Amino acid sequence: MTNIKERVLHIAEVKGISKIEFFRDLGLSYANFKGIQKTSALGSDAVASILASHSDIDPEWLLNGAGGMFRGSTADADHQALTLPSKIDEIEQSNAVIEALEKVISAQQTTINSQEMTINALNKYIEAMGKKKGKKKKG
Protein backbone atom coordinates (compact mmCIF):
# COMPACT_ATOMS: atom_id res chain seq x y z
CA MET A 1 0.00 0.00 0.00
CA THR A 2 1.58 3.20 -1.11
CA ASN A 3 -0.79 5.89 0.10
CA ILE A 4 -2.82 6.69 3.16
CA LYS A 5 -6.18 6.21 1.46
CA GLU A 6 -5.25 2.64 0.53
CA ARG A 7 -4.33 2.01 4.18
CA VAL A 8 -7.69 3.44 5.29
CA LEU A 9 -9.48 1.07 2.91
CA HIS A 10 -7.38 -1.77 4.30
CA ILE A 11 -8.66 -1.01 7.83
CA ALA A 12 -12.25 -1.63 6.70
CA GLU A 13 -11.24 -4.83 4.91
CA VAL A 14 -9.29 -6.26 7.85
CA LYS A 15 -12.05 -5.40 10.32
CA GLY A 16 -14.71 -6.89 8.04
CA ILE A 17 -16.72 -3.67 7.87
CA SER A 18 -18.46 -2.74 4.62
CA LYS A 19 -16.74 0.27 3.09
CA ILE A 20 -19.96 2.26 2.87
CA GLU A 21 -20.74 1.66 6.55
CA PHE A 22 -17.10 2.29 7.55
CA PHE A 23 -16.98 5.70 5.86
CA ARG A 24 -20.49 6.67 6.96
CA ASP A 25 -19.52 6.02 10.60
CA LEU A 26 -16.47 8.26 10.11
CA GLY A 27 -18.53 11.01 8.46
CA LEU A 28 -16.55 10.62 5.24
CA SER A 29 -17.57 9.89 1.67
CA TYR A 30 -16.52 6.55 0.20
CA ALA A 31 -16.36 8.29 -3.21
CA ASN A 32 -13.21 10.10 -2.02
CA PHE A 33 -11.46 6.74 -1.62
CA LYS A 34 -11.92 5.25 -5.07
CA GLY A 35 -10.96 6.08 -8.62
CA ILE A 36 -8.87 9.19 -9.22
CA GLN A 37 -9.85 10.57 -5.79
CA LYS A 38 -7.88 7.72 -4.21
CA THR A 39 -4.65 9.54 -5.13
CA SER A 40 -5.63 12.88 -3.57
CA ALA A 41 -4.52 14.00 -0.11
CA LEU A 42 -6.42 13.04 3.02
CA GLY A 43 -7.31 15.90 5.36
CA SER A 44 -6.07 16.07 8.92
CA ASP A 45 -9.67 16.06 10.23
CA ALA A 46 -10.25 12.72 8.48
CA VAL A 47 -7.03 11.30 9.94
CA ALA A 48 -8.04 12.45 13.41
CA SER A 49 -11.52 10.94 12.98
CA ILE A 50 -10.10 7.59 11.87
CA LEU A 51 -7.65 7.43 14.78
CA ALA A 52 -10.33 8.46 17.28
CA SER A 53 -12.84 5.88 16.00
CA HIS A 54 -10.29 3.12 15.58
CA SER A 55 -7.92 3.60 18.50
CA ASP A 56 -6.35 0.20 17.88
CA ILE A 57 -4.80 1.48 14.63
CA ASP A 58 -1.18 2.56 14.91
CA PRO A 59 -0.91 6.25 13.86
CA GLU A 60 2.58 5.75 12.42
CA TRP A 61 1.30 2.95 10.19
CA LEU A 62 -1.73 4.97 9.08
CA LEU A 63 0.26 8.09 8.23
CA ASN A 64 3.50 6.61 6.90
CA GLY A 65 2.91 2.90 6.36
CA ALA A 66 5.67 2.13 8.85
CA GLY A 67 5.38 -0.68 11.38
CA GLY A 68 2.33 -2.78 12.07
CA MET A 69 -1.28 -1.83 11.44
CA PHE A 70 -2.38 -2.31 15.04
CA ARG A 71 -1.09 -0.86 18.28
CA GLY A 72 0.03 -3.22 21.03
CA SER A 73 -2.60 -5.35 22.74
CA THR A 74 -4.98 -3.18 24.76
CA ALA A 75 -5.52 -6.06 27.22
CA ASP A 76 -1.84 -5.97 28.14
CA ALA A 77 -1.92 -2.20 28.46
CA ASP A 78 -4.76 -2.40 31.00
CA HIS A 79 -2.64 -4.62 33.26
CA GLN A 80 0.50 -2.50 33.14
CA ALA A 81 1.22 -0.15 35.99
CA LEU A 82 1.31 3.49 34.97
CA THR A 83 4.94 4.40 35.09
CA LEU A 84 6.94 7.39 34.00
CA PRO A 85 8.44 5.51 31.02
CA SER A 86 4.96 4.52 29.79
CA LYS A 87 3.83 8.13 30.04
CA ILE A 88 6.92 9.23 28.13
CA ASP A 89 6.06 6.69 25.42
CA GLU A 90 2.54 8.14 25.20
CA ILE A 91 3.95 11.65 24.82
CA GLU A 92 6.41 10.50 22.16
CA GLN A 93 3.59 8.77 20.30
CA SER A 94 1.49 11.93 20.50
CA ASN A 95 4.43 13.94 19.19
CA ALA A 96 4.77 11.51 16.27
CA VAL A 97 1.10 12.02 15.43
CA ILE A 98 1.50 15.79 15.67
CA GLU A 99 4.54 15.71 13.37
CA ALA A 100 2.69 13.53 10.88
CA LEU A 101 -0.32 15.85 10.93
CA GLU A 102 1.98 18.83 10.39
CA LYS A 103 3.29 17.05 7.27
CA VAL A 104 -0.30 16.57 6.09
CA ILE A 105 -1.01 20.26 6.67
CA SER A 106 2.14 21.23 4.77
CA ALA A 107 1.15 19.04 1.83
CA GLN A 108 -2.33 20.56 1.85
CA GLN A 109 -0.84 24.08 1.89
CA THR A 110 1.26 23.17 -1.15
CA THR A 111 -1.89 21.96 -2.90
CA ILE A 112 -3.72 25.16 -1.97
CA ASN A 113 -0.86 27.30 -3.33
CA SER A 114 -0.84 25.33 -6.56
CA GLN A 115 -4.59 25.69 -6.93
CA GLU A 116 -4.36 29.43 -6.29
CA MET A 117 -1.82 29.72 -9.11
CA THR A 118 -4.12 27.74 -11.41
CA ILE A 119 -7.08 29.95 -10.51
CA ASN A 120 -5.05 33.09 -11.18
CA ALA A 121 -3.91 31.77 -14.55
CA LEU A 122 -7.47 30.83 -15.49
CA ASN A 123 -8.78 34.24 -14.41
CA LYS A 124 -6.18 35.93 -16.62
CA TYR A 125 -7.16 33.66 -19.50
CA ILE A 126 -10.86 34.48 -19.00
CA GLU A 127 -10.03 38.19 -18.88
CA ALA A 128 -7.96 37.94 -22.06
CA MET A 129 -10.74 36.03 -23.83
CA GLY A 130 -13.24 38.69 -22.75
CA LYS A 131 -11.04 41.44 -24.19
CA LYS A 132 -10.56 39.48 -27.40
CA LYS A 133 -14.32 38.97 -27.73
CA GLY A 134 -14.90 42.69 -27.12
CA LYS A 135 -12.49 43.61 -29.95
CA LYS A 136 -14.30 41.31 -32.38
CA LYS A 137 -17.64 43.00 -31.66
CA LYS A 138 -16.16 46.46 -32.35
CA GLY A 139 -14.44 45.34 -35.55
C-alpha atoms as a PDB file:
ATOM      1  CA  MET A   1       0.000   0.000   0.000  1.00  0.00           C
ATOM      2  CA  THR A   2       1.576   3.198  -1.107  1.00  0.00           C
ATOM      3  CA  ASN A   3      -0.787   5.891   0.097  1.00  0.00           C
ATOM      4  CA  ILE A   4      -2.821   6.691   3.163  1.00  0.00           C
ATOM      5  CA  LYS A   5      -6.178   6.209   1.460  1.00  0.00           C
ATOM      6  CA  GLU A   6      -5.246   2.636   0.533  1.00  0.00           C
ATOM      7  CA  ARG A   7      -4.331   2.012   4.180  1.00  0.00           C
ATOM      8  CA  VAL A   8      -7.695   3.443   5.293  1.00  0.00           C
ATOM      9  CA  LEU A   9      -9.476   1.066   2.906  1.00  0.00           C
ATOM     10  CA  HIS A  10      -7.382  -1.771   4.300  1.00  0.00           C
ATOM     11  CA  ILE A  11      -8.657  -1.013   7.825  1.00  0.00           C
ATOM     12  CA  ALA A  12     -12.250  -1.633   6.699  1.00  0.00           C
ATOM     13  CA  GLU A  13     -11.244  -4.834   4.906  1.00  0.00           C
ATOM     14  CA  VAL A  14      -9.293  -6.260   7.851  1.00  0.00           C
ATOM     15  CA  LYS A  15     -12.048  -5.404  10.324  1.00  0.00           C
ATOM     16  CA  GLY A  16     -14.711  -6.886   8.042  1.00  0.00           C
ATOM     17  CA  ILE A  17     -16.716  -3.668   7.868  1.00  0.00           C
ATOM     18  CA  SER A  18     -18.461  -2.735   4.619  1.00  0.00           C
ATOM     19  CA  LYS A  19     -16.742   0.266   3.095  1.00  0.00           C
ATOM     20  CA  ILE A  20     -19.955   2.264   2.867  1.00  0.00           C
ATOM     21  CA  GLU A  21     -20.737   1.663   6.555  1.00  0.00           C
ATOM     22  CA  PHE A  22     -17.100   2.293   7.551  1.00  0.00           C
ATOM     23  CA  PHE A  23     -16.985   5.703   5.859  1.00  0.00           C
ATOM     24  CA  ARG A  24     -20.495   6.670   6.959  1.00  0.00           C
ATOM     25  CA  ASP A  25     -19.519   6.017  10.597  1.00  0.00           C
ATOM     26  CA  LEU A  26     -16.472   8.258  10.108  1.00  0.00           C
ATOM     27  CA  GLY A  27     -18.534  11.009   8.462  1.00  0.00           C
ATOM     28  CA  LEU A  28     -16.555  10.622   5.239  1.00  0.00           C
ATOM     29  CA  SER A  29     -17.574   9.887   1.666  1.00  0.00           C
ATOM     30  CA  TYR A  30     -16.521   6.549   0.199  1.00  0.00           C
ATOM     31  CA  ALA A  31     -16.355   8.292  -3.207  1.00  0.00           C
ATOM     32  CA  ASN A  32     -13.206  10.103  -2.021  1.00  0.00           C
ATOM     33  CA  PHE A  33     -11.461   6.744  -1.615  1.00  0.00           C
ATOM     34  CA  LYS A  34     -11.924   5.249  -5.072  1.00  0.00           C
ATOM     35  CA  GLY A  35     -10.962   6.081  -8.625  1.00  0.00           C
ATOM     36  CA  ILE A  36      -8.869   9.189  -9.218  1.00  0.00           C
ATOM     37  CA  GLN A  37      -9.845  10.570  -5.794  1.00  0.00           C
ATOM     38  CA  LYS A  38      -7.883   7.721  -4.207  1.00  0.00           C
ATOM     39  CA  THR A  39      -4.653   9.539  -5.128  1.00  0.00           C
ATOM     40  CA  SER A  40      -5.628  12.879  -3.570  1.00  0.00           C
ATOM     41  CA  ALA A  41      -4.520  13.998  -0.113  1.00  0.00           C
ATOM     42  CA  LEU A  42      -6.419  13.043   3.025  1.00  0.00           C
ATOM     43  CA  GLY A  43      -7.305  15.895   5.363  1.00  0.00           C
ATOM     44  CA  SER A  44      -6.067  16.074   8.924  1.00  0.00           C
ATOM     45  CA  ASP A  45      -9.667  16.061  10.231  1.00  0.00           C
ATOM     46  CA  ALA A  46     -10.246  12.724   8.480  1.00  0.00           C
ATOM     47  CA  VAL A  47      -7.032  11.295   9.939  1.00  0.00           C
ATOM     48  CA  ALA A  48      -8.043  12.448  13.411  1.00  0.00           C
ATOM     49  CA  SER A  49     -11.524  10.944  12.981  1.00  0.00           C
ATOM     50  CA  ILE A  50     -10.095   7.587  11.872  1.00  0.00           C
ATOM     51  CA  LEU A  51      -7.646   7.432  14.779  1.00  0.00           C
ATOM     52  CA  ALA A  52     -10.332   8.460  17.278  1.00  0.00           C
ATOM     53  CA  SER A  53     -12.839   5.880  16.003  1.00  0.00           C
ATOM     54  CA  HIS A  54     -10.285   3.115  15.578  1.00  0.00           C
ATOM     55  CA  SER A  55      -7.924   3.601  18.504  1.00  0.00           C
ATOM     56  CA  ASP A  56      -6.350   0.196  17.876  1.00  0.00           C
ATOM     57  CA  ILE A  57      -4.797   1.484  14.633  1.00  0.00           C
ATOM     58  CA  ASP A  58      -1.176   2.561  14.912  1.00  0.00           C
ATOM     59  CA  PRO A  59      -0.907   6.249  13.862  1.00  0.00           C
ATOM     60  CA  GLU A  60       2.582   5.752  12.416  1.00  0.00           C
ATOM     61  CA  TRP A  61       1.296   2.948  10.191  1.00  0.00           C
ATOM     62  CA  LEU A  62      -1.729   4.966   9.076  1.00  0.00           C
ATOM     63  CA  LEU A  63       0.262   8.089   8.230  1.00  0.00           C
ATOM     64  CA  ASN A  64       3.502   6.615   6.899  1.00  0.00           C
ATOM     65  CA  GLY A  65       2.905   2.903   6.362  1.00  0.00           C
ATOM     66  CA  ALA A  66       5.671   2.125   8.853  1.00  0.00           C
ATOM     67  CA  GLY A  67       5.382  -0.678  11.380  1.00  0.00           C
ATOM     68  CA  GLY A  68       2.328  -2.777  12.070  1.00  0.00           C
ATOM     69  CA  MET A  69      -1.279  -1.835  11.437  1.00  0.00           C
ATOM     70  CA  PHE A  70      -2.385  -2.311  15.041  1.00  0.00           C
ATOM     71  CA  ARG A  71      -1.089  -0.863  18.282  1.00  0.00           C
ATOM     72  CA  GLY A  72       0.033  -3.224  21.032  1.00  0.00           C
ATOM     73  CA  SER A  73      -2.597  -5.350  22.737  1.00  0.00           C
ATOM     74  CA  THR A  74      -4.984  -3.179  24.763  1.00  0.00           C
ATOM     75  CA  ALA A  75      -5.524  -6.056  27.225  1.00  0.00           C
ATOM     76  CA  ASP A  76      -1.835  -5.974  28.141  1.00  0.00           C
ATOM     77  CA  ALA A  77      -1.918  -2.204  28.459  1.00  0.00           C
ATOM     78  CA  ASP A  78      -4.763  -2.397  31.003  1.00  0.00           C
ATOM     79  CA  HIS A  79      -2.640  -4.621  33.256  1.00  0.00           C
ATOM     80  CA  GLN A  80       0.499  -2.502  33.140  1.00  0.00           C
ATOM     81  CA  ALA A  81       1.218  -0.145  35.988  1.00  0.00           C
ATOM     82  CA  LEU A  82       1.308   3.486  34.970  1.00  0.00           C
ATOM     83  CA  THR A  83       4.940   4.402  35.089  1.00  0.00           C
ATOM     84  CA  LEU A  84       6.937   7.389  34.002  1.00  0.00           C
ATOM     85  CA  PRO A  85       8.438   5.510  31.015  1.00  0.00           C
ATOM     86  CA  SER A  86       4.962   4.517  29.789  1.00  0.00           C
ATOM     87  CA  LYS A  87       3.828   8.134  30.045  1.00  0.00           C
ATOM     88  CA  ILE A  88       6.918   9.235  28.128  1.00  0.00           C
ATOM     89  CA  ASP A  89       6.061   6.687  25.417  1.00  0.00           C
ATOM     90  CA  GLU A  90       2.540   8.137  25.204  1.00  0.00           C
ATOM     91  CA  ILE A  91       3.947  11.647  24.819  1.00  0.00           C
ATOM     92  CA  GLU A  92       6.409  10.499  22.160  1.00  0.00           C
ATOM     93  CA  GLN A  93       3.586   8.765  20.297  1.00  0.00           C
ATOM     94  CA  SER A  94       1.492  11.933  20.497  1.00  0.00           C
ATOM     95  CA  ASN A  95       4.430  13.940  19.192  1.00  0.00           C
ATOM     96  CA  ALA A  96       4.771  11.510  16.270  1.00  0.00           C
ATOM     97  CA  VAL A  97       1.101  12.017  15.426  1.00  0.00           C
ATOM     98  CA  ILE A  98       1.501  15.789  15.666  1.00  0.00           C
ATOM     99  CA  GLU A  99       4.540  15.711  13.375  1.00  0.00           C
ATOM    100  CA  ALA A 100       2.689  13.531  10.878  1.00  0.00           C
ATOM    101  CA  LEU A 101      -0.319  15.850  10.926  1.00  0.00           C
ATOM    102  CA  GLU A 102       1.984  18.830  10.387  1.00  0.00           C
ATOM    103  CA  LYS A 103       3.288  17.051   7.269  1.00  0.00           C
ATOM    104  CA  VAL A 104      -0.303  16.566   6.092  1.00  0.00           C
ATOM    105  CA  ILE A 105      -1.007  20.261   6.674  1.00  0.00           C
ATOM    106  CA  SER A 106       2.144  21.229   4.772  1.00  0.00           C
ATOM    107  CA  ALA A 107       1.150  19.039   1.832  1.00  0.00           C
ATOM    108  CA  GLN A 108      -2.325  20.565   1.846  1.00  0.00           C
ATOM    109  CA  GLN A 109      -0.840  24.079   1.886  1.00  0.00           C
ATOM    110  CA  THR A 110       1.264  23.170  -1.145  1.00  0.00           C
ATOM    111  CA  THR A 111      -1.892  21.961  -2.899  1.00  0.00           C
ATOM    112  CA  ILE A 112      -3.720  25.165  -1.967  1.00  0.00           C
ATOM    113  CA  ASN A 113      -0.864  27.300  -3.327  1.00  0.00           C
ATOM    114  CA  SER A 114      -0.838  25.330  -6.560  1.00  0.00           C
ATOM    115  CA  GLN A 115      -4.594  25.689  -6.930  1.00  0.00           C
ATOM    116  CA  GLU A 116      -4.358  29.431  -6.294  1.00  0.00           C
ATOM    117  CA  MET A 117      -1.815  29.719  -9.109  1.00  0.00           C
ATOM    118  CA  THR A 118      -4.118  27.737 -11.408  1.00  0.00           C
ATOM    119  CA  ILE A 119      -7.083  29.947 -10.508  1.00  0.00           C
ATOM    120  CA  ASN A 120      -5.054  33.090 -11.175  1.00  0.00           C
ATOM    121  CA  ALA A 121      -3.911  31.771 -14.552  1.00  0.00           C
ATOM    122  CA  LEU A 122      -7.475  30.830 -15.488  1.00  0.00           C
ATOM    123  CA  ASN A 123      -8.783  34.235 -14.412  1.00  0.00           C
ATOM    124  CA  LYS A 124      -6.176  35.928 -16.622  1.00  0.00           C
ATOM    125  CA  TYR A 125      -7.164  33.655 -19.500  1.00  0.00           C
ATOM    126  CA  ILE A 126     -10.861  34.476 -19.002  1.00  0.00           C
ATOM    127  CA  GLU A 127     -10.030  38.192 -18.880  1.00  0.00           C
ATOM    128  CA  ALA A 128      -7.964  37.943 -22.064  1.00  0.00           C
ATOM    129  CA  MET A 129     -10.736  36.035 -23.834  1.00  0.00           C
ATOM    130  CA  GLY A 130     -13.236  38.688 -22.751  1.00  0.00           C
ATOM    131  CA  LYS A 131     -11.042  41.438 -24.189  1.00  0.00           C
ATOM    132  CA  LYS A 132     -10.561  39.479 -27.398  1.00  0.00           C
ATOM    133  CA  LYS A 133     -14.317  38.969 -27.733  1.00  0.00           C
ATOM    134  CA  GLY A 134     -14.897  42.685 -27.115  1.00  0.00           C
ATOM    135  CA  LYS A 135     -12.492  43.608 -29.953  1.00  0.00           C
ATOM    136  CA  LYS A 136     -14.304  41.312 -32.380  1.00  0.00           C
ATOM    137  CA  LYS A 137     -17.642  42.997 -31.656  1.00  0.00           C
ATOM    138  CA  LYS A 138     -16.165  46.457 -32.353  1.00  0.00           C
ATOM    139  CA  GLY A 139     -14.445  45.344 -35.554  1.00  0.00           C
END
